[in-house]
Every structure is written in C-alpha cells, then in structure tokens.
Amino acid sequence: MKFAQMNRRALLSGVAGFAMAGSAHAEDDASPIAHGVLANNPLAKAFKPTPAKLPDVLVISPSGSRQVTQLLGRTLLMPLWAEWCTPCLSELQDFATLQKNYGNDKFAIVPILSGTQKRMTPDTIAKLFSYLHADVFEPLAEAHFGEVLLSVMARGEGHEITVPCNVLIAPDGRVIAREIGMKQADDNDAHSRHQMLAEAENGKVLSEWGKPAGAEFAAAMANGFLG
C-alpha cells in the first residue's frame, strides 16, 4: 500500500473512532417544510420545528475567523457534524454532491464541525473533506474546539445530544427547522463503520441525502422555496 493511502486510511479510521448517533424521539409537530413541491419528500418530513435560535458563535477556517451570522443571507442547510459521528461522515460526501449540483445565490450547504473530541483543526478538516470527496466545502469549525452549536441545536426531547443534526435556516437568519438523528443501519457496529469509510473513499452514495429525495430537497431550496 502506498504511503498516501496509508495516511488516508489512518485519518479516516482515526476520526471515526466511535459513533454516538442515536434515534431521534418522535415529535408531534408537523414538518414546517413538507408542503408544496416537498409535500411527499421523506427528508422534508423528517425536519421538525426547533425553539432554539442559532447561537452566534465564532467559526474558524484556514482563511481566518468570523461570526456564524456572517454566513447567513441565503437559505442554508447547515449540517452540524463531529468526527466521532459515523452517520455524519456518511452524509458529508452526499451533501457535497448536492452543493455542487444545486448550490447558488439562493441556497448553500455549509457544514460546521462542533463538539470535536480529537481537537481537529481546519487543516485537518480540509484533508478529511478531500478524502470524502467533499472538498467543495470550506473547512469550518466552531472556534476553541467548542460545542455550543451542537449543544444548543441538537438537543433531543430527553435533552441528550442527538446526531446527525442538520439545521435549515432562511435567508433572513430564522432557523426554520432541524432534522436530527436520522438513523443509518448498523451505525454503531465497528465492521459497518469501517465498511462505510471504505465506501466513502470510493465515492459511493451512503445516506438518504444521496438519493432522489435529497436532490428534490436541494432543488426546491435552490429555486427559492424559503425565499
């Protein structure tokens, strides 16, 4: 095996040391976005209202730092991910495909690392994004290895942090809804985790976001679903 491949395997295996994703508790509130062209979209139906407002934390990238509110101004799908969440990693490359196909002046997908347990830097995130075919994204992380975004936005009914957590934000900065805890099959099984990493390296579709429902969802947002 070549040295570069060994480094790649080491990074991917190292960041996904374990998964803590849980199943989201059922919520009674109907999805605020499962209507119109998204009325029957299973991903849209998975989004539920959240009483939380987006915390205005500092985020860092290889080019510097800024407040998270400086990212606003168009519809954002903001995956809050952590390197220990295998399902989060499986969604990243599918989100990258959607960003490449549907990102425009009305819509963007902006992943932010929050709650890191390996103290990952933007440069490390950039390498990970490259290996996961997700280098369309700017490597953004909550500053000071913080976990405020994850702690506030990903709290389930039992007040536990439930991931993956994908936050939908309108152009005016209002948090419209969130989708948390979409369960991937066997996401806590070590063998499945390593299989996922191998498939991710080969660019295979790994999550619901890589399927037609994901494309329909992104296309609606890119066409001004939220304004």
Protein backbone atom coordinates (compact mmCIF):
# COMPACT_ATOMS: atom_id res chain seq x y z
CA MET A 1 0.00 0.00 0.00
CA LYS A 2 1.31 3.44 -0.89
CA PHE A 3 2.22 5.91 1.84
CA ALA A 4 -0.54 8.34 0.80
CA GLN A 5 -3.11 5.57 1.02
CA MET A 6 -1.88 4.61 4.48
CA ASN A 7 -2.22 8.21 5.65
CA ARG A 8 -5.70 8.35 4.20
CA ARG A 9 -6.80 5.16 5.95
CA ALA A 10 -5.26 6.33 9.20
CA LEU A 11 -7.07 9.65 9.09
CA LEU A 12 -10.44 8.19 8.21
CA SER A 13 -10.17 5.43 10.80
CA GLY A 14 -8.86 7.80 13.43
CA VAL A 15 -11.53 10.48 13.20
CA ALA A 16 -14.38 7.97 13.33
CA GLY A 17 -13.22 6.23 16.47
CA PHE A 18 -16.77 5.62 17.62
CA ALA A 19 -20.31 6.69 16.83
CA MET A 20 -22.75 8.22 19.30
CA ALA A 21 -25.65 8.76 16.94
CA GLY A 22 -28.99 7.97 18.42
CA SER A 23 -32.52 7.71 17.11
CA ALA A 24 -34.46 10.92 17.45
CA HIS A 25 -37.55 10.78 19.64
CA ALA A 26 -40.82 11.12 17.80
CA GLU A 27 -42.04 14.69 17.69
CA ASP A 28 -45.68 15.65 17.43
CA ASP A 29 -45.14 18.85 15.49
CA ALA A 30 -45.58 18.57 11.76
CA SER A 31 -42.73 19.49 9.49
CA PRO A 32 -42.87 23.18 8.54
CA ILE A 33 -41.43 22.46 5.10
CA ALA A 34 -43.30 19.32 3.99
CA HIS A 35 -45.68 21.17 1.70
CA GLY A 36 -45.86 22.27 -1.92
CA VAL A 37 -43.22 20.55 -4.03
CA LEU A 38 -41.85 18.92 -0.86
CA ALA A 39 -45.18 17.62 0.44
CA ASN A 40 -44.19 14.00 -0.09
CA ASN A 41 -40.46 14.33 0.32
CA PRO A 42 -39.28 12.00 3.12
CA LEU A 43 -36.38 14.24 4.06
CA ALA A 44 -38.61 17.31 4.28
CA LYS A 45 -40.98 15.33 6.51
CA ALA A 46 -38.08 14.50 8.83
CA PHE A 47 -37.50 18.19 9.60
CA LYS A 48 -39.22 19.46 12.75
CA PRO A 49 -39.54 22.90 14.33
CA THR A 50 -36.98 23.84 16.95
CA PRO A 51 -37.40 26.51 19.62
CA ALA A 52 -33.65 27.20 19.59
CA LYS A 53 -32.07 30.14 17.83
CA LEU A 54 -28.74 29.76 16.08
CA PRO A 55 -26.01 30.77 18.55
CA ASP A 56 -23.78 33.48 17.12
CA VAL A 57 -20.53 31.67 17.80
CA LEU A 58 -17.14 32.27 16.24
CA VAL A 59 -16.16 29.83 13.49
CA ILE A 60 -12.70 29.35 12.06
CA SER A 61 -11.36 28.28 8.69
CA PRO A 62 -7.93 28.18 7.04
CA SER A 63 -8.52 31.78 5.91
CA GLY A 64 -9.45 33.19 9.30
CA SER A 65 -12.39 33.58 11.67
CA ARG A 66 -15.86 35.12 11.53
CA GLN A 67 -19.16 35.03 13.38
CA VAL A 68 -21.52 32.32 12.21
CA THR A 69 -24.12 35.00 11.44
CA GLN A 70 -21.79 36.31 8.73
CA LEU A 71 -22.57 33.13 6.78
CA LEU A 72 -26.25 34.00 6.52
CA GLY A 73 -28.06 35.75 3.67
CA ARG A 74 -29.40 32.85 1.63
CA THR A 75 -31.13 29.61 2.50
CA LEU A 76 -28.62 27.47 4.36
CA LEU A 77 -28.66 23.79 5.14
CA MET A 78 -26.14 23.64 7.98
CA PRO A 79 -25.01 20.13 8.93
CA LEU A 80 -23.56 20.22 12.45
CA TRP A 81 -21.20 17.29 12.45
CA ALA A 82 -18.50 15.73 14.58
CA GLU A 83 -15.70 13.37 13.66
CA TRP A 84 -16.97 10.77 16.14
CA CYS A 85 -20.37 10.56 14.41
CA THR A 86 -20.14 7.97 11.65
CA PRO A 87 -23.55 8.83 10.13
CA CYS A 88 -22.46 12.47 9.99
CA LEU A 89 -19.40 11.46 7.98
CA SER A 90 -21.53 9.32 5.68
CA GLU A 91 -23.72 12.33 4.85
CA LEU A 92 -20.86 14.72 4.06
CA GLN A 93 -19.99 13.47 0.60
CA ASP A 94 -23.66 13.26 -0.37
CA PHE A 95 -24.10 16.85 0.80
CA ALA A 96 -21.07 17.76 -1.31
CA THR A 97 -22.73 16.36 -4.43
CA LEU A 98 -25.86 18.39 -3.69
CA GLN A 99 -23.79 21.53 -3.15
CA LYS A 100 -22.03 21.03 -6.48
CA ASN A 101 -25.32 20.47 -8.30
CA TYR A 102 -27.64 22.94 -6.57
CA GLY A 103 -25.59 25.49 -4.66
CA ASN A 104 -26.31 29.00 -5.96
CA ASP A 105 -27.01 32.55 -4.80
CA LYS A 106 -30.19 31.35 -3.09
CA PHE A 107 -29.00 28.17 -1.42
CA ALA A 108 -25.88 26.65 0.07
CA ILE A 109 -24.92 23.73 2.27
CA VAL A 110 -22.48 24.81 4.97
CA PRO A 111 -21.20 22.05 7.29
CA ILE A 112 -19.67 23.14 10.60
CA LEU A 113 -17.67 20.93 12.94
CA SER A 114 -18.87 21.25 16.53
CA GLY A 115 -18.10 19.14 19.57
CA THR A 116 -14.85 17.67 18.27
CA GLN A 117 -13.23 15.14 20.56
CA LYS A 118 -9.97 14.98 18.63
CA ARG A 119 -9.38 18.76 18.58
CA MET A 120 -9.45 18.83 14.81
CA THR A 121 -8.15 21.94 13.06
CA PRO A 122 -9.45 23.45 9.80
CA ASP A 123 -6.43 21.99 8.01
CA THR A 124 -7.30 18.50 9.28
CA ILE A 125 -10.91 19.03 8.25
CA ALA A 126 -9.75 20.03 4.77
CA LYS A 127 -7.85 16.75 4.44
CA LEU A 128 -10.84 14.79 5.63
CA PHE A 129 -13.12 16.61 3.18
CA SER A 130 -10.71 15.76 0.38
CA TYR A 131 -10.72 12.07 1.26
CA LEU A 132 -14.52 12.05 1.46
CA HIS A 133 -14.91 13.81 -1.91
CA ALA A 134 -16.35 16.79 -0.04
CA ASP A 135 -13.68 19.40 -0.76
CA VAL A 136 -16.31 21.69 -2.31
CA PHE A 137 -16.88 22.82 1.29
CA GLU A 138 -14.89 25.41 3.20
CA PRO A 139 -13.45 23.68 6.30
CA LEU A 140 -15.33 25.41 9.12
CA ALA A 141 -15.17 24.59 12.82
CA GLU A 142 -16.53 26.15 15.95
CA ALA A 143 -13.69 28.15 17.48
CA HIS A 144 -11.77 26.99 20.56
CA PHE A 145 -12.89 23.40 19.88
CA GLY A 146 -16.32 24.48 21.10
CA GLU A 147 -19.58 22.56 21.18
CA VAL A 148 -22.13 25.35 21.60
CA LEU A 149 -23.75 24.80 18.19
CA LEU A 150 -24.17 21.08 18.79
CA SER A 151 -25.27 21.54 22.40
CA VAL A 152 -27.95 24.09 21.53
CA MET A 153 -29.24 22.86 18.19
CA ALA A 154 -29.00 19.07 18.59
CA ARG A 155 -30.77 18.58 21.92
CA GLY A 156 -33.45 15.91 21.67
CA GLU A 157 -36.59 15.58 23.77
CA GLY A 158 -34.60 13.94 26.55
CA HIS A 159 -32.07 16.79 26.39
CA GLU A 160 -29.39 14.47 25.05
CA ILE A 161 -27.35 15.46 22.02
CA THR A 162 -28.70 13.57 19.03
CA VAL A 163 -26.82 13.44 15.76
CA PRO A 164 -26.73 13.85 12.80
CA CYS A 165 -28.15 17.36 13.16
CA ASN A 166 -28.99 19.32 10.02
CA VAL A 167 -30.33 22.84 10.52
CA LEU A 168 -32.36 24.66 7.88
CA ILE A 169 -32.01 28.45 8.00
CA ALA A 170 -33.97 31.01 5.98
CA PRO A 171 -32.23 33.90 4.18
CA ASP A 172 -33.30 36.30 6.96
CA GLY A 173 -31.48 34.17 9.55
CA ARG A 174 -34.51 32.44 11.08
CA VAL A 175 -34.00 28.79 11.99
CA ILE A 176 -36.89 27.12 10.18
CA ALA A 177 -36.42 23.53 11.21
CA ARG A 178 -33.91 20.83 12.02
CA GLU A 179 -33.53 17.17 11.18
CA ILE A 180 -31.83 15.18 13.92
CA GLY A 181 -30.96 11.57 14.49
CA MET A 182 -31.62 10.10 11.06
CA LYS A 183 -30.54 6.53 11.78
CA GLN A 184 -28.20 4.72 9.44
CA ALA A 185 -28.25 0.94 9.51
CA ASP A 186 -25.75 -0.57 11.95
CA ASP A 187 -24.08 2.77 12.53
CA ASN A 188 -22.65 1.62 15.88
CA ASP A 189 -21.15 -1.57 14.52
CA ALA A 190 -17.37 -1.39 14.08
CA HIS A 191 -17.37 -3.52 10.95
CA SER A 192 -20.09 -1.40 9.37
CA ARG A 193 -18.18 1.73 10.31
CA HIS A 194 -15.02 0.58 8.56
CA GLN A 195 -17.08 -0.58 5.58
CA MET A 196 -18.66 2.88 5.40
CA LEU A 197 -15.24 4.52 5.41
CA ALA A 198 -14.06 2.27 2.59
CA GLU A 199 -17.17 3.01 0.55
CA ALA A 200 -16.85 6.73 1.26
CA GLU A 201 -13.31 6.68 -0.08
CA ASN A 202 -14.70 5.17 -3.29
CA GLY A 203 -17.33 7.89 -3.57
CA LYS A 204 -20.40 5.72 -3.08
CA VAL A 205 -23.76 7.14 -2.02
CA LEU A 206 -24.08 6.45 1.69
CA SER A 207 -27.04 8.39 3.05
CA GLU A 208 -30.58 9.41 2.24
CA TRP A 209 -29.22 12.74 1.05
CA GLY A 210 -27.53 10.99 -1.86
CA LYS A 211 -30.82 9.60 -3.13
CA PRO A 212 -33.53 11.27 -5.27
CA ALA A 213 -35.22 12.77 -2.21
CA GLY A 214 -32.04 14.69 -1.44
CA ALA A 215 -31.85 16.09 -4.95
CA GLU A 216 -35.53 17.09 -4.84
CA PHE A 217 -35.00 18.82 -1.49
CA ALA A 218 -31.91 20.73 -2.64
CA ALA A 219 -33.51 21.72 -5.95
CA ALA A 220 -36.50 23.20 -4.11
CA MET A 221 -34.24 25.27 -1.86
CA ALA A 222 -32.12 26.41 -4.81
CA ASN A 223 -35.31 27.55 -6.55
CA GLY A 224 -36.28 29.80 -3.65
CA PHE A 225 -38.51 27.56 -1.53
CA LEU A 226 -37.78 29.72 1.53
CA GLY A 227 -37.38 32.95 -0.37
